[in-house]
Amino acid sequence: NLSFYGLGGTSSVDIMISNQIKPTRNIYGQNDRDQYFTSKLGLLASSL
């Protein structure tokens, strides 16, 4: 039996402080910087 399979994913989030025009409580990132984050995963495999 021969099989081929693949798995992949990408994710990103931008925590923008510079866009705030009024003081806003930020529950995710730091309040003194813009933060850009991306993660990726890719996988290719064959099984016999």
ModelCIF file with pLDDT and N, C-alpha, C, O atoms, coordinates in Angstrom:
data_MODEL
#
_entry.id   MODEL 
#
_entity.id                         1 
_entity.type                       polymer 
_entity.pdbx_number_of_molecules   1 
#
_entity_poly.entity_id                      1 
_entity_poly.type                           'polypeptide(L)' 
_entity_poly.nstd_linkage                   no 
_entity_poly.nstd_monomer                   no 
_entity_poly.pdbx_seq_one_letter_code       NLSFYGLGGTSSVDIMISNQIKPTRNIYGQNDRDQYFTSKLGLLASSL 
_entity_poly.pdbx_seq_one_letter_code_can   NLSFYGLGGTSSVDIMISNQIKPTRNIYGQNDRDQYFTSKLGLLASSL 
_entity_poly.pdbx_strand_id                 A 
#
loop_
_entity_poly_seq.entity_id 
_entity_poly_seq.num 
_entity_poly_seq.mon_id 
_entity_poly_seq.hetero 
1 1  ASN n 
1 2  LEU n 
1 3  SER n 
1 4  PHE n 
1 5  TYR n 
1 6  GLY n 
1 7  LEU n 
1 8  GLY n 
1 9  GLY n 
1 10 THR n 
1 11 SER n 
1 12 SER n 
1 13 VAL n 
1 14 ASP n 
1 15 ILE n 
1 16 MET n 
1 17 ILE n 
1 18 SER n 
1 19 ASN n 
1 20 GLN n 
1 21 ILE n 
1 22 LYS n 
1 23 PRO n 
1 24 THR n 
1 25 ARG n 
1 26 ASN n 
1 27 ILE n 
1 28 TYR n 
1 29 GLY n 
1 30 GLN n 
1 31 ASN n 
1 32 ASP n 
1 33 ARG n 
1 34 ASP n 
1 35 GLN n 
1 36 TYR n 
1 37 PHE n 
1 38 THR n 
1 39 SER n 
1 40 LYS n 
1 41 LEU n 
1 42 GLY n 
1 43 LEU n 
1 44 LEU n 
1 45 ALA n 
1 46 SER n 
1 47 SER n 
1 48 LEU n 
#
_struct_asym.id          A 
_struct_asym.entity_id   1 
#
loop_
_ma_qa_metric.id 
_ma_qa_metric.mode 
_ma_qa_metric.name 
_ma_qa_metric.software_group_id 
_ma_qa_metric.type 
1 global pLDDT . pLDDT 
2 local  pLDDT . pLDDT 
#
_ma_qa_metric_global.metric_id      1 
_ma_qa_metric_global.metric_value   86.42 
_ma_qa_metric_global.model_id       1 
_ma_qa_metric_global.ordinal_id     1 
#
loop_
_ma_qa_metric_local.label_asym_id 
_ma_qa_metric_local.label_comp_id 
_ma_qa_metric_local.label_seq_id 
_ma_qa_metric_local.metric_id 
_ma_qa_metric_local.metric_value 
_ma_qa_metric_local.model_id 
_ma_qa_metric_local.ordinal_id 
A ASN 1  2 96.00 1 1  
A LEU 2  2 96.00 1 2  
A SER 3  2 97.00 1 3  
A PHE 4  2 97.00 1 4  
A TYR 5  2 97.00 1 5  
A GLY 6  2 97.00 1 6  
A LEU 7  2 97.00 1 7  
A GLY 8  2 96.00 1 8  
A GLY 9  2 96.00 1 9  
A THR 10 2 95.00 1 10 
A SER 11 2 93.00 1 11 
A SER 12 2 92.00 1 12 
A VAL 13 2 89.00 1 13 
A ASP 14 2 88.00 1 14 
A ILE 15 2 85.00 1 15 
A MET 16 2 84.00 1 16 
A ILE 17 2 83.00 1 17 
A SER 18 2 83.00 1 18 
A ASN 19 2 81.00 1 19 
A GLN 20 2 78.00 1 20 
A ILE 21 2 77.00 1 21 
A LYS 22 2 72.00 1 22 
A PRO 23 2 63.00 1 23 
A THR 24 2 67.00 1 24 
A ARG 25 2 63.00 1 25 
A ASN 26 2 61.00 1 26 
A ILE 27 2 60.00 1 27 
A TYR 28 2 60.00 1 28 
A GLY 29 2 64.00 1 29 
A GLN 30 2 73.00 1 30 
A ASN 31 2 77.00 1 31 
A ASP 32 2 82.00 1 32 
A ARG 33 2 86.00 1 33 
A ASP 34 2 89.00 1 34 
A GLN 35 2 90.00 1 35 
A TYR 36 2 92.00 1 36 
A PHE 37 2 93.00 1 37 
A THR 38 2 94.00 1 38 
A SER 39 2 94.00 1 39 
A LYS 40 2 96.00 1 40 
A LEU 41 2 96.00 1 41 
A GLY 42 2 97.00 1 42 
A LEU 43 2 97.00 1 43 
A LEU 44 2 98.00 1 44 
A ALA 45 2 97.00 1 45 
A SER 46 2 97.00 1 46 
A SER 47 2 96.00 1 47 
A LEU 48 2 97.00 1 48 
#
loop_
_atom_site.group_PDB 
_atom_site.id 
_atom_site.type_symbol 
_atom_site.label_atom_id 
_atom_site.label_alt_id 
_atom_site.label_comp_id 
_atom_site.label_asym_id 
_atom_site.label_entity_id 
_atom_site.label_seq_id 
_atom_site.pdbx_PDB_ins_code 
_atom_site.Cartn_x 
_atom_site.Cartn_y 
_atom_site.Cartn_z 
_atom_site.occupancy 
_atom_site.B_iso_or_equiv 
_atom_site.pdbx_formal_charge 
_atom_site.auth_seq_id 
_atom_site.auth_comp_id 
_atom_site.auth_asym_id 
_atom_site.auth_atom_id 
_atom_site.pdbx_PDB_model_num 
ATOM 1   N N  . ASN A 1 1  ? 0.846  -1.187 0.000  1.00 96.00 ? 1  ASN A N  1 
ATOM 2   C CA . ASN A 1 1  ? 0.000  0.000  0.000  1.00 96.00 ? 1  ASN A CA 1 
ATOM 3   C C  . ASN A 1 1  ? 0.889  1.248  0.000  1.00 96.00 ? 1  ASN A C  1 
ATOM 4   O O  . ASN A 1 1  ? 1.839  1.348  0.776  1.00 96.00 ? 1  ASN A O  1 
ATOM 5   N N  . LEU A 1 2  ? 0.564  2.188  -0.881 1.00 96.00 ? 2  LEU A N  1 
ATOM 6   C CA . LEU A 1 2  ? 1.330  3.424  -1.001 1.00 96.00 ? 2  LEU A CA 1 
ATOM 7   C C  . LEU A 1 2  ? 0.401  4.605  -0.757 1.00 96.00 ? 2  LEU A C  1 
ATOM 8   O O  . LEU A 1 2  ? -0.700 4.658  -1.305 1.00 96.00 ? 2  LEU A O  1 
ATOM 9   N N  . SER A 1 3  ? 0.843  5.546  0.062  1.00 97.00 ? 3  SER A N  1 
ATOM 10  C CA . SER A 1 3  ? 0.033  6.736  0.327  1.00 97.00 ? 3  SER A CA 1 
ATOM 11  C C  . SER A 1 3  ? 0.896  7.983  0.309  1.00 97.00 ? 3  SER A C  1 
ATOM 12  O O  . SER A 1 3  ? 2.079  7.948  0.649  1.00 97.00 ? 3  SER A O  1 
ATOM 13  N N  . PHE A 1 4  ? 0.282  9.080  -0.093 1.00 97.00 ? 4  PHE A N  1 
ATOM 14  C CA . PHE A 1 4  ? 0.909  10.399 -0.066 1.00 97.00 ? 4  PHE A CA 1 
ATOM 15  C C  . PHE A 1 4  ? -0.002 11.327 0.719  1.00 97.00 ? 4  PHE A C  1 
ATOM 16  O O  . PHE A 1 4  ? -1.221 11.293 0.553  1.00 97.00 ? 4  PHE A O  1 
ATOM 17  N N  . TYR A 1 5  ? 0.581  12.151 1.570  1.00 97.00 ? 5  TYR A N  1 
ATOM 18  C CA . TYR A 1 5  ? -0.251 13.094 2.314  1.00 97.00 ? 5  TYR A CA 1 
ATOM 19  C C  . TYR A 1 5  ? 0.529  14.357 2.626  1.00 97.00 ? 5  TYR A C  1 
ATOM 20  O O  . TYR A 1 5  ? 1.759  14.363 2.652  1.00 97.00 ? 5  TYR A O  1 
ATOM 21  N N  . GLY A 1 6  ? -0.210 15.417 2.860  1.00 97.00 ? 6  GLY A N  1 
ATOM 22  C CA . GLY A 1 6  ? 0.397  16.700 3.165  1.00 97.00 ? 6  GLY A CA 1 
ATOM 23  C C  . GLY A 1 6  ? -0.453 17.488 4.139  1.00 97.00 ? 6  GLY A C  1 
ATOM 24  O O  . GLY A 1 6  ? -1.674 17.341 4.175  1.00 97.00 ? 6  GLY A O  1 
ATOM 25  N N  . LEU A 1 7  ? 0.192  18.314 4.917  1.00 97.00 ? 7  LEU A N  1 
ATOM 26  C CA . LEU A 1 7  ? -0.473 19.133 5.938  1.00 97.00 ? 7  LEU A CA 1 
ATOM 27  C C  . LEU A 1 7  ? 0.184  20.500 5.938  1.00 97.00 ? 7  LEU A C  1 
ATOM 28  O O  . LEU A 1 7  ? 1.408  20.599 5.850  1.00 97.00 ? 7  LEU A O  1 
ATOM 29  N N  . GLY A 1 8  ? -0.609 21.551 6.035  1.00 96.00 ? 8  GLY A N  1 
ATOM 30  C CA . GLY A 1 8  ? -0.036 22.883 6.060  1.00 96.00 ? 8  GLY A CA 1 
ATOM 31  C C  . GLY A 1 8  ? -0.944 23.879 6.741  1.00 96.00 ? 8  GLY A C  1 
ATOM 32  O O  . GLY A 1 8  ? -2.164 23.718 6.752  1.00 96.00 ? 8  GLY A O  1 
ATOM 33  N N  . GLY A 1 9  ? -0.346 24.906 7.307  1.00 96.00 ? 9  GLY A N  1 
ATOM 34  C CA . GLY A 1 9  ? -1.131 25.956 7.943  1.00 96.00 ? 9  GLY A CA 1 
ATOM 35  C C  . GLY A 1 9  ? -0.320 27.226 8.067  1.00 96.00 ? 9  GLY A C  1 
ATOM 36  O O  . GLY A 1 9  ? 0.903  27.183 8.200  1.00 96.00 ? 9  GLY A O  1 
ATOM 37  N N  . THR A 1 10 ? -1.001 28.354 8.024  1.00 95.00 ? 10 THR A N  1 
ATOM 38  C CA . THR A 1 10 ? -0.349 29.648 8.223  1.00 95.00 ? 10 THR A CA 1 
ATOM 39  C C  . THR A 1 10 ? -1.250 30.518 9.078  1.00 95.00 ? 10 THR A C  1 
ATOM 40  O O  . THR A 1 10 ? -2.475 30.446 8.980  1.00 95.00 ? 10 THR A O  1 
ATOM 41  N N  . SER A 1 11 ? -0.642 31.333 9.911  1.00 93.00 ? 11 SER A N  1 
ATOM 42  C CA . SER A 1 11 ? -1.411 32.198 10.808 1.00 93.00 ? 11 SER A CA 1 
ATOM 43  C C  . SER A 1 11 ? -0.665 33.504 11.004 1.00 93.00 ? 11 SER A C  1 
ATOM 44  O O  . SER A 1 11 ? 0.564  33.536 10.951 1.00 93.00 ? 11 SER A O  1 
ATOM 45  N N  . SER A 1 12 ? -1.399 34.573 11.229 1.00 92.00 ? 12 SER A N  1 
ATOM 46  C CA . SER A 1 12 ? -0.788 35.884 11.468 1.00 92.00 ? 12 SER A CA 1 
ATOM 47  C C  . SER A 1 12 ? -1.727 36.731 12.297 1.00 92.00 ? 12 SER A C  1 
ATOM 48  O O  . SER A 1 12 ? -2.948 36.586 12.237 1.00 92.00 ? 12 SER A O  1 
ATOM 49  N N  . VAL A 1 13 ? -1.134 37.613 13.067 1.00 89.00 ? 13 VAL A N  1 
ATOM 50  C CA . VAL A 1 13 ? -1.904 38.577 13.849 1.00 89.00 ? 13 VAL A CA 1 
ATOM 51  C C  . VAL A 1 13 ? -1.063 39.843 13.986 1.00 89.00 ? 13 VAL A C  1 
ATOM 52  O O  . VAL A 1 13 ? 0.137  39.779 14.250 1.00 89.00 ? 13 VAL A O  1 
ATOM 53  N N  . ASP A 1 14 ? -1.708 40.988 13.803 1.00 88.00 ? 14 ASP A N  1 
ATOM 54  C CA . ASP A 1 14 ? -1.056 42.284 13.950 1.00 88.00 ? 14 ASP A CA 1 
ATOM 55  C C  . ASP A 1 14 ? -1.707 43.024 15.111 1.00 88.00 ? 14 ASP A C  1 
ATOM 56  O O  . ASP A 1 14 ? -2.911 43.278 15.103 1.00 88.00 ? 14 ASP A O  1 
ATOM 57  N N  . ILE A 1 15 ? -0.908 43.361 16.096 1.00 85.00 ? 15 ILE A N  1 
ATOM 58  C CA . ILE A 1 15 ? -1.390 44.114 17.252 1.00 85.00 ? 15 ILE A CA 1 
ATOM 59  C C  . ILE A 1 15 ? -0.905 45.553 17.070 1.00 85.00 ? 15 ILE A C  1 
ATOM 60  O O  . ILE A 1 15 ? 0.260  45.864 17.320 1.00 85.00 ? 15 ILE A O  1 
ATOM 61  N N  . MET A 1 16 ? -1.815 46.424 16.631 1.00 84.00 ? 16 MET A N  1 
ATOM 62  C CA . MET A 1 16 ? -1.464 47.767 16.217 1.00 84.00 ? 16 MET A CA 1 
ATOM 63  C C  . MET A 1 16 ? -1.821 48.780 17.297 1.00 84.00 ? 16 MET A C  1 
ATOM 64  O O  . MET A 1 16 ? -2.993 49.023 17.583 1.00 84.00 ? 16 MET A O  1 
ATOM 65  N N  . ILE A 1 17 ? -0.779 49.367 17.890 1.00 83.00 ? 17 ILE A N  1 
ATOM 66  C CA . ILE A 1 17 ? -0.977 50.443 18.857 1.00 83.00 ? 17 ILE A CA 1 
ATOM 67  C C  . ILE A 1 17 ? -1.024 51.793 18.156 1.00 83.00 ? 17 ILE A C  1 
ATOM 68  O O  . ILE A 1 17 ? -1.720 52.702 18.607 1.00 83.00 ? 17 ILE A O  1 
ATOM 69  N N  . SER A 1 18 ? -0.284 51.931 17.052 1.00 83.00 ? 18 SER A N  1 
ATOM 70  C CA . SER A 1 18 ? -0.200 53.211 16.354 1.00 83.00 ? 18 SER A CA 1 
ATOM 71  C C  . SER A 1 18 ? -1.534 53.622 15.735 1.00 83.00 ? 18 SER A C  1 
ATOM 72  O O  . SER A 1 18 ? -1.736 54.799 15.436 1.00 83.00 ? 18 SER A O  1 
ATOM 73  N N  . ASN A 1 19 ? -2.450 52.668 15.538 1.00 81.00 ? 19 ASN A N  1 
ATOM 74  C CA . ASN A 1 19 ? -3.765 52.997 14.964 1.00 81.00 ? 19 ASN A CA 1 
ATOM 75  C C  . ASN A 1 19 ? -4.726 53.563 15.992 1.00 81.00 ? 19 ASN A C  1 
ATOM 76  O O  . ASN A 1 19 ? -5.773 54.096 15.625 1.00 81.00 ? 19 ASN A O  1 
ATOM 77  N N  . GLN A 1 20 ? -4.402 53.461 17.245 1.00 78.00 ? 20 GLN A N  1 
ATOM 78  C CA . GLN A 1 20 ? -5.312 53.924 18.292 1.00 78.00 ? 20 GLN A CA 1 
ATOM 79  C C  . GLN A 1 20 ? -5.329 55.446 18.339 1.00 78.00 ? 20 GLN A C  1 
ATOM 80  O O  . GLN A 1 20 ? -4.282 56.090 18.415 1.00 78.00 ? 20 GLN A O  1 
ATOM 81  N N  . ILE A 1 21 ? -6.511 55.999 18.293 1.00 77.00 ? 21 ILE A N  1 
ATOM 82  C CA . ILE A 1 21 ? -6.641 57.459 18.384 1.00 77.00 ? 21 ILE A CA 1 
ATOM 83  C C  . ILE A 1 21 ? -7.069 57.888 19.776 1.00 77.00 ? 21 ILE A C  1 
ATOM 84  O O  . ILE A 1 21 ? -7.043 59.074 20.105 1.00 77.00 ? 21 ILE A O  1 
ATOM 85  N N  . LYS A 1 22 ? -7.468 56.906 20.603 1.00 72.00 ? 22 LYS A N  1 
ATOM 86  C CA . LYS A 1 22 ? -7.813 57.182 21.985 1.00 72.00 ? 22 LYS A CA 1 
ATOM 87  C C  . LYS A 1 22 ? -7.187 56.112 22.874 1.00 72.00 ? 22 LYS A C  1 
ATOM 88  O O  . LYS A 1 22 ? -6.941 54.994 22.422 1.00 72.00 ? 22 LYS A O  1 
ATOM 89  N N  . PRO A 1 23 ? -6.929 56.451 24.136 1.00 63.00 ? 23 PRO A N  1 
ATOM 90  C CA . PRO A 1 23 ? -6.391 55.430 25.049 1.00 63.00 ? 23 PRO A CA 1 
ATOM 91  C C  . PRO A 1 23 ? -7.292 54.200 25.084 1.00 63.00 ? 23 PRO A C  1 
ATOM 92  O O  . PRO A 1 23 ? -8.489 54.302 25.354 1.00 63.00 ? 23 PRO A O  1 
ATOM 93  N N  . THR A 1 24 ? -6.705 53.038 24.810 1.00 67.00 ? 24 THR A N  1 
ATOM 94  C CA . THR A 1 24 ? -7.457 51.789 24.726 1.00 67.00 ? 24 THR A CA 1 
ATOM 95  C C  . THR A 1 24 ? -6.739 50.712 25.519 1.00 67.00 ? 24 THR A C  1 
ATOM 96  O O  . THR A 1 24 ? -5.515 50.597 25.468 1.00 67.00 ? 24 THR A O  1 
ATOM 97  N N  . ARG A 1 25 ? -7.508 49.934 26.245 1.00 63.00 ? 25 ARG A N  1 
ATOM 98  C CA . ARG A 1 25 ? -6.928 48.817 26.983 1.00 63.00 ? 25 ARG A CA 1 
ATOM 99  C C  . ARG A 1 25 ? -6.593 47.693 26.011 1.00 63.00 ? 25 ARG A C  1 
ATOM 100 O O  . ARG A 1 25 ? -7.461 47.239 25.265 1.00 63.00 ? 25 ARG A O  1 
ATOM 101 N N  . ASN A 1 26 ? -5.356 47.249 26.013 1.00 61.00 ? 26 ASN A N  1 
ATOM 102 C CA . ASN A 1 26 ? -4.893 46.191 25.123 1.00 61.00 ? 26 ASN A CA 1 
ATOM 103 C C  . ASN A 1 26 ? -4.657 44.922 25.940 1.00 61.00 ? 26 ASN A C  1 
ATOM 104 O O  . ASN A 1 26 ? -3.770 44.886 26.793 1.00 61.00 ? 26 ASN A O  1 
ATOM 105 N N  . ILE A 1 27 ? -5.450 43.886 25.681 1.00 60.00 ? 27 ILE A N  1 
ATOM 106 C CA . ILE A 1 27 ? -5.376 42.688 26.510 1.00 60.00 ? 27 ILE A CA 1 
ATOM 107 C C  . ILE A 1 27 ? -4.412 41.643 25.947 1.00 60.00 ? 27 ILE A C  1 
ATOM 108 O O  . ILE A 1 27 ? -4.143 40.642 26.611 1.00 60.00 ? 27 ILE A O  1 
ATOM 109 N N  . TYR A 1 28 ? -3.885 41.856 24.734 1.00 60.00 ? 28 TYR A N  1 
ATOM 110 C CA . TYR A 1 28 ? -3.055 40.833 24.106 1.00 60.00 ? 28 TYR A CA 1 
ATOM 111 C C  . TYR A 1 28 ? -1.582 41.192 24.061 1.00 60.00 ? 28 TYR A C  1 
ATOM 112 O O  . TYR A 1 28 ? -0.741 40.363 24.410 1.00 60.00 ? 28 TYR A O  1 
ATOM 113 N N  . GLY A 1 29 ? -1.252 42.386 23.649 1.00 64.00 ? 29 GLY A N  1 
ATOM 114 C CA . GLY A 1 29 ? 0.151  42.736 23.455 1.00 64.00 ? 29 GLY A CA 1 
ATOM 115 C C  . GLY A 1 29 ? 0.619  43.812 24.407 1.00 64.00 ? 29 GLY A C  1 
ATOM 116 O O  . GLY A 1 29 ? -0.065 44.161 25.370 1.00 64.00 ? 29 GLY A O  1 
ATOM 117 N N  . GLN A 1 30 ? 1.819  44.339 24.114 1.00 73.00 ? 30 GLN A N  1 
ATOM 118 C CA . GLN A 1 30 ? 2.376  45.420 24.912 1.00 73.00 ? 30 GLN A CA 1 
ATOM 119 C C  . GLN A 1 30 ? 1.833  46.758 24.408 1.00 73.00 ? 30 GLN A C  1 
ATOM 120 O O  . GLN A 1 30 ? 1.513  46.901 23.228 1.00 73.00 ? 30 GLN A O  1 
ATOM 121 N N  . ASN A 1 31 ? 1.734  47.723 25.304 1.00 77.00 ? 31 ASN A N  1 
ATOM 122 C CA . ASN A 1 31 ? 1.078  48.983 24.976 1.00 77.00 ? 31 ASN A CA 1 
ATOM 123 C C  . ASN A 1 31 ? 2.016  50.033 24.397 1.00 77.00 ? 31 ASN A C  1 
ATOM 124 O O  . ASN A 1 31 ? 1.599  51.169 24.171 1.00 77.00 ? 31 ASN A O  1 
ATOM 125 N N  . ASP A 1 32 ? 3.282  49.673 24.153 1.00 82.00 ? 32 ASP A N  1 
ATOM 126 C CA . ASP A 1 32 ? 4.220  50.674 23.650 1.00 82.00 ? 32 ASP A CA 1 
ATOM 127 C C  . ASP A 1 32 ? 4.725  50.362 22.247 1.00 82.00 ? 32 ASP A C  1 
ATOM 128 O O  . ASP A 1 32 ? 5.635  51.036 21.765 1.00 82.00 ? 32 ASP A O  1 
ATOM 129 N N  . ARG A 1 33 ? 4.149  49.342 21.566 1.00 86.00 ? 33 ARG A N  1 
ATOM 130 C CA . ARG A 1 33 ? 4.700  48.939 20.271 1.00 86.00 ? 33 ARG A CA 1 
ATOM 131 C C  . ARG A 1 33 ? 3.659  48.268 19.385 1.00 86.00 ? 33 ARG A C  1 
ATOM 132 O O  . ARG A 1 33 ? 2.690  47.671 19.854 1.00 86.00 ? 33 ARG A O  1 
ATOM 133 N N  . ASP A 1 34 ? 3.904  48.391 18.080 1.00 89.00 ? 34 ASP A N  1 
ATOM 134 C CA . ASP A 1 34 ? 3.172  47.593 17.098 1.00 89.00 ? 34 ASP A CA 1 
ATOM 135 C C  . ASP A 1 34 ? 3.870  46.247 16.975 1.00 89.00 ? 34 ASP A C  1 
ATOM 136 O O  . ASP A 1 34 ? 5.098  46.172 16.928 1.00 89.00 ? 34 ASP A O  1 
ATOM 137 N N  . GLN A 1 35 ? 3.065  45.177 16.924 1.00 90.00 ? 35 GLN A N  1 
ATOM 138 C CA . GLN A 1 35 ? 3.634  43.830 16.858 1.00 90.00 ? 35 GLN A CA 1 
ATOM 139 C C  . GLN A 1 35 ? 3.023  43.072 15.684 1.00 90.00 ? 35 GLN A C  1 
ATOM 140 O O  . GLN A 1 35 ? 1.804  42.966 15.552 1.00 90.00 ? 35 GLN A O  1 
ATOM 141 N N  . TYR A 1 36 ? 3.900  42.552 14.845 1.00 92.00 ? 36 TYR A N  1 
ATOM 142 C CA . TYR A 1 36 ? 3.478  41.750 13.698 1.00 92.00 ? 36 TYR A CA 1 
ATOM 143 C C  . TYR A 1 36 ? 4.028  40.333 13.896 1.00 92.00 ? 36 TYR A C  1 
ATOM 144 O O  . TYR A 1 36 ? 5.224  40.148 14.118 1.00 92.00 ? 36 TYR A O  1 
ATOM 145 N N  . PHE A 1 37 ? 3.149  39.352 13.812 1.00 93.00 ? 37 PHE A N  1 
ATOM 146 C CA . PHE A 1 37 ? 3.594  37.974 14.058 1.00 93.00 ? 37 PHE A CA 1 
ATOM 147 C C  . PHE A 1 37 ? 2.978  37.040 13.022 1.00 93.00 ? 37 PHE A C  1 
ATOM 148 O O  . PHE A 1 37 ? 1.795  37.140 12.698 1.00 93.00 ? 37 PHE A O  1 
ATOM 149 N N  . THR A 1 38 ? 3.813  36.123 12.506 1.00 94.00 ? 38 THR A N  1 
ATOM 150 C CA . THR A 1 38 ? 3.374  35.124 11.528 1.00 94.00 ? 38 THR A CA 1 
ATOM 151 C C  . THR A 1 38 ? 4.000  33.784 11.872 1.00 94.00 ? 38 THR A C  1 
ATOM 152 O O  . THR A 1 38 ? 5.174  33.718 12.238 1.00 94.00 ? 38 THR A O  1 
ATOM 153 N N  . SER A 1 39 ? 3.222  32.719 11.757 1.00 94.00 ? 39 SER A N  1 
ATOM 154 C CA . SER A 1 39 ? 3.762  31.367 11.907 1.00 94.00 ? 39 SER A CA 1 
ATOM 155 C C  . SER A 1 39 ? 3.271  30.507 10.755 1.00 94.00 ? 39 SER A C  1 
ATOM 156 O O  . SER A 1 39 ? 2.160  30.682 10.255 1.00 94.00 ? 39 SER A O  1 
ATOM 157 N N  . LYS A 1 40 ? 4.132  29.565 10.341 1.00 96.00 ? 40 LYS A N  1 
ATOM 158 C CA . LYS A 1 40 ? 3.812  28.694 9.207  1.00 96.00 ? 40 LYS A CA 1 
ATOM 159 C C  . LYS A 1 40 ? 4.286  27.281 9.495  1.00 96.00 ? 40 LYS A C  1 
ATOM 160 O O  . LYS A 1 40 ? 5.293  27.075 10.172 1.00 96.00 ? 40 LYS A O  1 
ATOM 161 N N  . LEU A 1 41 ? 3.554  26.316 8.976  1.00 96.00 ? 41 LEU A N  1 
ATOM 162 C CA . LEU A 1 41 ? 3.951  24.913 9.048  1.00 96.00 ? 41 LEU A CA 1 
ATOM 163 C C  . LEU A 1 41 ? 3.565  24.220 7.757  1.00 96.00 ? 41 LEU A C  1 
ATOM 164 O O  . LEU A 1 41 ? 2.445  24.375 7.270  1.00 96.00 ? 41 LEU A O  1 
ATOM 165 N N  . GLY A 1 42 ? 4.500  23.453 7.202  1.00 97.00 ? 42 GLY A N  1 
ATOM 166 C CA . GLY A 1 42 ? 4.215  22.675 6.007  1.00 97.00 ? 42 GLY A CA 1 
ATOM 167 C C  . GLY A 1 42 ? 4.833  21.295 6.108  1.00 97.00 ? 42 GLY A C  1 
ATOM 168 O O  . GLY A 1 42 ? 5.934  21.146 6.639  1.00 97.00 ? 42 GLY A O  1 
ATOM 169 N N  . LEU A 1 43 ? 4.136  20.279 5.604  1.00 97.00 ? 43 LEU A N  1 
ATOM 170 C CA . LEU A 1 43 ? 4.582  18.886 5.728  1.00 97.00 ? 43 LEU A CA 1 
ATOM 171 C C  . LEU A 1 43 ? 4.145  18.112 4.500  1.00 97.00 ? 43 LEU A C  1 
ATOM 172 O O  . LEU A 1 43 ? 2.988  18.195 4.088  1.00 97.00 ? 43 LEU A O  1 
ATOM 173 N N  . LEU A 1 44 ? 5.075  17.351 3.908  1.00 98.00 ? 44 LEU A N  1 
ATOM 174 C CA . LEU A 1 44 ? 4.781  16.434 2.811  1.00 98.00 ? 44 LEU A CA 1 
ATOM 175 C C  . LEU A 1 44 ? 5.388  15.079 3.144  1.00 98.00 ? 44 LEU A C  1 
ATOM 176 O O  . LEU A 1 44 ? 6.531  15.000 3.594  1.00 98.00 ? 44 LEU A O  1 
ATOM 177 N N  . ALA A 1 45 ? 4.625  14.012 2.923  1.00 97.00 ? 45 ALA A N  1 
ATOM 178 C CA . ALA A 1 45 ? 5.114  12.688 3.312  1.00 97.00 ? 45 ALA A CA 1 
ATOM 179 C C  . ALA A 1 45 ? 4.592  11.630 2.359  1.00 97.00 ? 45 ALA A C  1 
ATOM 180 O O  . ALA A 1 45 ? 3.570  11.803 1.695  1.00 97.00 ? 45 ALA A O  1 
ATOM 181 N N  . SER A 1 46 ? 5.328  10.530 2.313  1.00 97.00 ? 46 SER A N  1 
ATOM 182 C CA . SER A 1 46 ? 4.927  9.353  1.563  1.00 97.00 ? 46 SER A CA 1 
ATOM 183 C C  . SER A 1 46 ? 5.186  8.126  2.419  1.00 97.00 ? 46 SER A C  1 
ATOM 184 O O  . SER A 1 46 ? 6.216  8.030  3.086  1.00 97.00 ? 46 SER A O  1 
ATOM 185 N N  . SER A 1 47 ? 4.244  7.188  2.397  1.00 96.00 ? 47 SER A N  1 
ATOM 186 C CA . SER A 1 47 ? 4.349  6.011  3.249  1.00 96.00 ? 47 SER A CA 1 
ATOM 187 C C  . SER A 1 47 ? 4.102  4.750  2.425  1.00 96.00 ? 47 SER A C  1 
ATOM 188 O O  . SER A 1 47 ? 3.155  4.679  1.641  1.00 96.00 ? 47 SER A O  1 
ATOM 189 N N  . LEU A 1 48 ? 4.970  3.762  2.615  1.00 97.00 ? 48 LEU A N  1 
ATOM 190 C CA . LEU A 1 48 ? 4.860  2.485  1.907  1.00 97.00 ? 48 LEU A CA 1 
ATOM 191 C C  . LEU A 1 48 ? 4.764  1.364  2.931  1.00 97.00 ? 48 LEU A C  1 
ATOM 192 O O  . LEU A 1 48 ? 4.663  0.195  2.558  1.00 97.00 ? 48 LEU A O  1 
#
